[in-house]
Every structure is written in C-alpha cells, then in structure tokens.
Protein backbone atom coordinates (compact mmCIF):
# COMPACT_ATOMS: atom_id res chain seq x y z
CA MET A 1 -70.21 75.99 -74.19
CA ILE A 2 -67.00 73.91 -73.89
CA ARG A 3 -64.69 73.22 -76.84
CA VAL A 4 -61.53 71.14 -76.49
CA GLU A 5 -59.33 70.27 -79.47
CA ALA A 6 -56.14 68.15 -79.36
CA LEU A 7 -55.62 69.00 -75.69
CA THR A 8 -52.21 67.91 -74.42
CA LYS A 9 -50.43 68.28 -71.09
CA HIS A 10 -46.86 67.05 -70.55
CA TYR A 11 -44.84 67.32 -67.36
CA ARG A 12 -41.07 67.33 -67.04
CA ALA A 13 -40.37 65.22 -63.95
CA PRO A 14 -36.95 64.51 -62.37
CA LYS A 15 -35.72 60.92 -62.51
CA LYS A 16 -33.45 59.51 -59.81
CA ALA A 17 -31.91 56.11 -59.14
CA PRO A 18 -32.59 54.66 -55.65
CA GLY A 19 -30.15 54.89 -52.79
CA LEU A 20 -27.41 57.30 -51.69
CA VAL A 21 -25.42 56.87 -54.91
CA GLY A 22 -28.46 57.80 -56.97
CA SER A 23 -29.02 60.91 -54.84
CA LEU A 24 -25.41 62.03 -55.27
CA LYS A 25 -25.56 61.52 -59.03
CA ALA A 26 -28.77 63.55 -59.15
CA LEU A 27 -26.97 66.44 -57.45
CA VAL A 28 -24.30 66.51 -60.16
CA ARG A 29 -26.38 65.62 -63.19
CA ARG A 30 -30.12 65.41 -62.90
CA GLU A 31 -32.08 63.43 -65.47
CA TYR A 32 -35.64 64.16 -66.48
CA GLU A 33 -38.45 62.24 -68.11
CA THR A 34 -41.56 63.51 -69.87
CA VAL A 35 -44.84 62.44 -68.29
CA LYS A 36 -47.74 62.52 -70.75
CA ALA A 37 -50.69 63.26 -68.45
CA VAL A 38 -53.11 64.16 -71.27
CA GLU A 39 -52.55 63.47 -74.95
CA GLY A 40 -54.72 64.68 -77.85
CA VAL A 41 -58.12 64.85 -76.14
CA THR A 42 -60.93 66.37 -78.23
CA PHE A 43 -64.59 66.88 -77.26
CA GLN A 44 -67.38 69.46 -77.09
CA VAL A 45 -70.06 70.06 -74.47
CA ALA A 46 -73.19 72.09 -75.23
CA PRO A 47 -75.24 74.04 -72.64
CA GLY A 48 -77.46 71.69 -70.67
CA GLU A 49 -75.33 68.59 -71.18
CA ARG A 50 -73.93 66.47 -68.37
CA VAL A 51 -70.62 64.74 -69.09
CA GLY A 52 -68.72 62.14 -67.10
CA PHE A 53 -65.00 61.34 -67.45
CA LEU A 54 -64.31 57.67 -66.79
CA GLY A 55 -60.89 56.06 -66.45
CA PRO A 56 -58.40 54.45 -64.05
CA ASN A 57 -55.98 56.35 -61.82
CA GLY A 58 -53.47 58.39 -63.83
CA ALA A 59 -55.66 58.58 -66.93
CA GLY A 60 -55.68 62.40 -66.90
CA LYS A 61 -59.24 63.08 -65.74
CA THR A 62 -58.46 65.60 -63.02
CA THR A 63 -55.67 67.15 -65.10
CA THR A 64 -58.18 67.80 -67.89
CA LEU A 65 -60.65 69.39 -65.47
CA LYS A 66 -57.89 71.59 -64.03
CA MET A 67 -57.11 72.85 -67.53
CA LEU A 68 -60.82 73.55 -68.09
CA ALA A 69 -60.81 75.59 -64.87
CA GLY A 70 -57.62 77.45 -65.74
CA LEU A 71 -55.55 75.97 -62.90
CA LEU A 72 -53.13 74.40 -65.39
CA VAL A 73 -51.87 75.74 -68.70
CA PRO A 74 -52.02 73.17 -71.56
CA THR A 75 -48.81 72.16 -73.31
CA SER A 76 -50.71 72.43 -76.59
CA GLY A 77 -54.24 72.36 -77.93
CA VAL A 78 -57.30 74.58 -77.69
CA VAL A 79 -59.57 75.02 -74.65
CA GLU A 80 -62.60 77.32 -74.63
CA VAL A 81 -65.20 77.49 -71.87
CA GLY A 82 -68.12 79.82 -72.49
CA GLY A 83 -66.11 81.68 -75.12
CA SER A 84 -63.18 82.30 -72.73
CA ARG A 85 -59.70 80.83 -72.59
CA PRO A 86 -59.38 79.38 -69.05
CA ALA A 87 -55.59 79.89 -68.86
CA SER A 88 -56.11 83.67 -69.00
CA ARG A 89 -57.89 83.54 -65.60
CA GLN A 90 -60.13 86.51 -66.40
CA ALA A 91 -62.34 87.65 -63.53
CA ASP A 92 -65.56 87.30 -65.54
CA PHE A 93 -64.66 83.71 -66.45
CA LEU A 94 -63.83 82.77 -62.85
CA ARG A 95 -67.20 84.06 -61.67
CA ARG A 96 -68.97 81.71 -64.10
CA ILE A 97 -67.29 78.39 -63.22
CA THR A 98 -66.64 76.17 -60.24
CA LEU A 99 -64.46 73.12 -59.58
CA VAL A 100 -65.16 70.79 -56.66
CA MET A 101 -62.29 68.44 -55.78
CA GLY A 102 -62.55 65.65 -53.24
CA GLN A 103 -59.09 66.32 -51.77
CA LYS A 104 -59.59 70.11 -51.57
CA GLN A 105 -62.37 71.47 -49.39
CA GLN A 106 -63.74 74.96 -48.85
CA LEU A 107 -65.93 74.07 -45.88
CA LEU A 108 -64.75 75.47 -42.53
CA TRP A 109 -63.90 72.37 -40.49
CA ASP A 110 -65.08 73.52 -37.03
CA LEU A 111 -68.18 75.41 -38.17
CA PRO A 112 -71.51 74.30 -39.67
CA ALA A 113 -71.68 74.24 -43.47
CA ARG A 114 -74.27 77.02 -43.32
CA GLU A 115 -71.50 79.39 -42.19
CA THR A 116 -69.48 78.63 -45.32
CA PHE A 117 -72.57 79.25 -47.45
CA GLU A 118 -72.99 82.66 -45.82
CA LEU A 119 -69.28 83.46 -46.32
CA ASN A 120 -69.52 82.59 -50.04
CA ARG A 121 -72.66 84.70 -50.35
CA ALA A 122 -70.80 87.72 -48.98
CA LEU A 123 -67.66 87.09 -51.05
CA PHE A 124 -69.58 86.86 -54.32
CA GLY A 125 -72.03 89.66 -53.52
CA ILE A 126 -75.15 87.48 -53.78
CA ASP A 127 -78.46 88.93 -52.65
CA ALA A 128 -79.46 87.44 -49.27
CA ALA A 129 -82.95 86.45 -50.41
CA GLU A 130 -81.62 84.82 -53.59
CA ALA A 131 -78.97 82.95 -51.58
CA ARG A 132 -81.59 81.61 -49.15
CA LYS A 133 -83.75 80.43 -52.04
CA THR A 134 -80.87 78.71 -53.82
CA THR A 135 -79.60 77.11 -50.60
CA GLY A 136 -83.08 75.81 -49.81
CA GLU A 137 -83.45 74.27 -53.27
CA LEU A 138 -80.05 72.55 -53.12
CA VAL A 139 -80.50 71.32 -49.54
CA GLU A 140 -83.84 69.79 -50.49
CA LEU A 141 -82.46 68.28 -53.70
CA LEU A 142 -79.50 66.68 -51.90
CA GLU A 143 -81.61 65.69 -48.86
CA LEU A 144 -79.28 67.42 -46.40
CA GLY A 145 -81.93 68.63 -43.97
CA ASP A 146 -80.47 69.93 -40.71
CA LEU A 147 -77.02 68.52 -41.52
CA ILE A 148 -75.95 71.97 -42.70
CA ASP A 149 -76.27 73.17 -39.07
CA ARG A 150 -73.91 70.45 -37.79
CA PRO A 151 -70.12 71.09 -37.52
CA VAL A 152 -68.41 69.87 -40.68
CA ARG A 153 -66.02 67.67 -38.67
CA ASN A 154 -69.03 65.61 -37.53
CA LEU A 155 -70.25 64.88 -41.08
CA SER A 156 -69.46 61.78 -43.12
CA LEU A 157 -67.46 62.06 -46.33
CA GLY A 158 -70.60 61.78 -48.46
CA GLU A 159 -72.39 64.44 -46.40
CA ARG A 160 -69.39 66.77 -46.67
CA MET A 161 -69.27 66.33 -50.46
CA LYS A 162 -72.95 67.22 -50.70
CA CYS A 163 -72.29 70.39 -48.69
CA GLU A 164 -69.33 71.17 -50.95
CA LEU A 165 -71.67 70.99 -53.93
CA VAL A 166 -74.11 73.39 -52.28
CA ALA A 167 -71.29 75.86 -51.58
CA ALA A 168 -70.04 75.57 -55.17
CA LEU A 169 -73.46 76.01 -56.78
CA LEU A 170 -74.70 78.76 -54.47
CA HIS A 171 -74.04 81.49 -57.03
CA ARG A 172 -75.56 79.49 -59.92
CA ARG A 173 -72.43 79.24 -62.06
CA SER A 174 -72.83 78.25 -65.70
CA CYS A 175 -70.17 75.50 -65.61
CA SER A 176 -69.54 73.17 -62.69
CA SER A 177 -66.97 70.36 -62.46
CA THR A 178 -66.24 67.83 -59.74
CA SER A 179 -63.32 65.48 -59.18
CA PRO A 180 -62.36 62.68 -58.36
CA PRO A 181 -64.44 60.02 -60.16
CA SER A 182 -66.39 59.19 -57.00
CA ALA A 183 -68.23 62.43 -57.69
CA SER A 184 -67.03 63.29 -61.19
CA THR A 185 -69.94 64.90 -62.97
CA CYS A 186 -69.31 68.00 -65.05
CA ALA A 187 -72.61 69.83 -65.37
CA CYS A 188 -72.78 72.70 -67.83
CA ARG A 189 -76.10 74.32 -67.16
CA SER A 190 -78.23 76.81 -69.05
CA PRO A 191 -81.44 78.35 -67.68
CA CYS A 192 -83.85 76.13 -69.63
CA ALA A 193 -81.73 73.60 -71.49
CA SER A 194 -81.25 69.93 -70.79
CA SER A 195 -79.94 67.69 -73.54
CA SER A 196 -77.68 64.72 -74.16
CA ARG A 197 -75.86 63.46 -77.22
CA SER A 198 -73.03 61.17 -78.24
CA GLY A 199 -69.43 62.28 -78.12
CA THR A 200 -65.87 61.01 -78.25
CA GLY A 201 -62.84 61.08 -76.00
CA ALA A 202 -59.61 60.79 -77.92
CA PRO A 203 -57.32 58.06 -76.55
CA GLY A 204 -54.07 59.13 -74.93
CA PRO A 205 -50.63 57.58 -75.16
CA ARG A 206 -51.69 54.67 -72.94
CA SER A 207 -54.75 52.48 -72.63
CA SER A 208 -55.58 54.32 -69.40
CA SER A 209 -56.75 57.40 -71.30
CA PRO A 210 -60.12 58.61 -69.99
CA ALA A 211 -63.33 57.75 -71.79
CA THR A 212 -66.08 60.29 -72.20
CA THR A 213 -69.58 59.30 -71.12
CA TRP A 214 -72.74 61.07 -72.21
CA PRO A 215 -75.63 59.87 -70.01
CA THR A 216 -78.96 59.41 -71.78
CA SER A 217 -80.98 58.58 -68.66
CA ARG A 218 -80.56 57.72 -64.98
CA ARG A 219 -80.38 54.02 -65.81
CA SER A 220 -78.26 53.89 -68.94
CA ALA A 221 -75.14 55.52 -70.37
CA ARG A 222 -72.91 54.89 -73.36
CA ALA A 223 -69.15 55.30 -73.33
CA TRP A 224 -66.52 55.82 -75.99
CA SER A 225 -62.82 55.17 -75.43
C-alpha cells in the first residue's frame, strides 16, 4: 500500500546575524543553510496495518506525512501510496487519502460538527444514506454522542480532534494520516484486512530522527530507531 525508499527532504533556509547590522548585511549578501528535515527514511506499510511515527520535535514526522499526502515534494527518494506518486496530486489519489493535522482544522468554528459532515458529504458526492451510516458508526466508536450537535467553539481540544477524524473518515478513504504525535496514527485500511508486522525507520542525520512503531496489541508495541 505504502512504499518509501531513501526518502529525503532538505530545505534551503536564509541565515541572518542578529541586530541591525546583520539585517543590513542580509540585504546585500544573504547566506543560506541547508536544513535536513528528513534523511534516508525507508519503510513499507501493507493494507490493514497501523503505523505510528515516534520522535521529538523537529524529527521530521509531519514532514514525512506531508510528503505521503503530496503536500511536499521530496528532495530525493521514492514515495508510492496505493500505486500512485503523491507529488503528482492526481484527483483519483486525492480522493483515496486524508491527512488530519492538529494545527489545521476543517470544522466550521461557529457551527456544529454535523454541519461540516454534511458539507463534506456534498463535496465528495457521498450517498446520504451511506453518509448517515458511516457517521453513526464513527460517532459511536469515538463516543461523541450529541457533541456533534454542539457548536465547535464549545468543544474541548480532544472532542474537536475526534470530530476532525469523523469528517476525515466520512468517505471511507483507503489511507488516513494524523499529525501531530498527540494523535499520530497512520491507518491504512482495507475492507477485511487487519495485520501487524515489524518494520524499520532509517535514522536521519541527527539522533532526533523518527522511529517507526508497529503496534501488536492495545497494550504493547515495539519500536525501531
């Protein structure tokens, strides 16, 4: 389902000395430094597997997920999701994935979450009966109850994130990713498959490179760095 080989992402960031003198020098001759956000990451995820990226701030977790979703173009390496190259941003690929990010919300702030669910249903052309069934299943699973009828501004952060997940999974996409680590579970689902196996996360240029975790049960998980 997902194949990543030697994935690398470098940024060219401006470098400036502090103070007025540094600002004036930057106007005449700007210096740059290369930021290695992701370096040589390799892993594979099969349908039905759930994978967690673990690592400190700046380890490249969200950057990797953005490349899997096609929001960023890799500096080098190979990325395939469901047989598609994310960077191409093909319409069929975008219909099959979702990315939930804690700092980016799709819920309408002054309206109940149910209104956002209905908007997404219309945008993606989902049958009304199917949407009601899926919404009911997710609301029950996440124990949201009547919270979806409360204005989003009155919900706690955890309740809002649960509603974000419902909105993202409403059209039953085959690959779902969430970020940041407080909710970072990448679930690649198939209709009947559920499996787990060991895997590796290649270390980056620093010790803060993300580890890849392959849960084997609710109570235990094994990590590789």
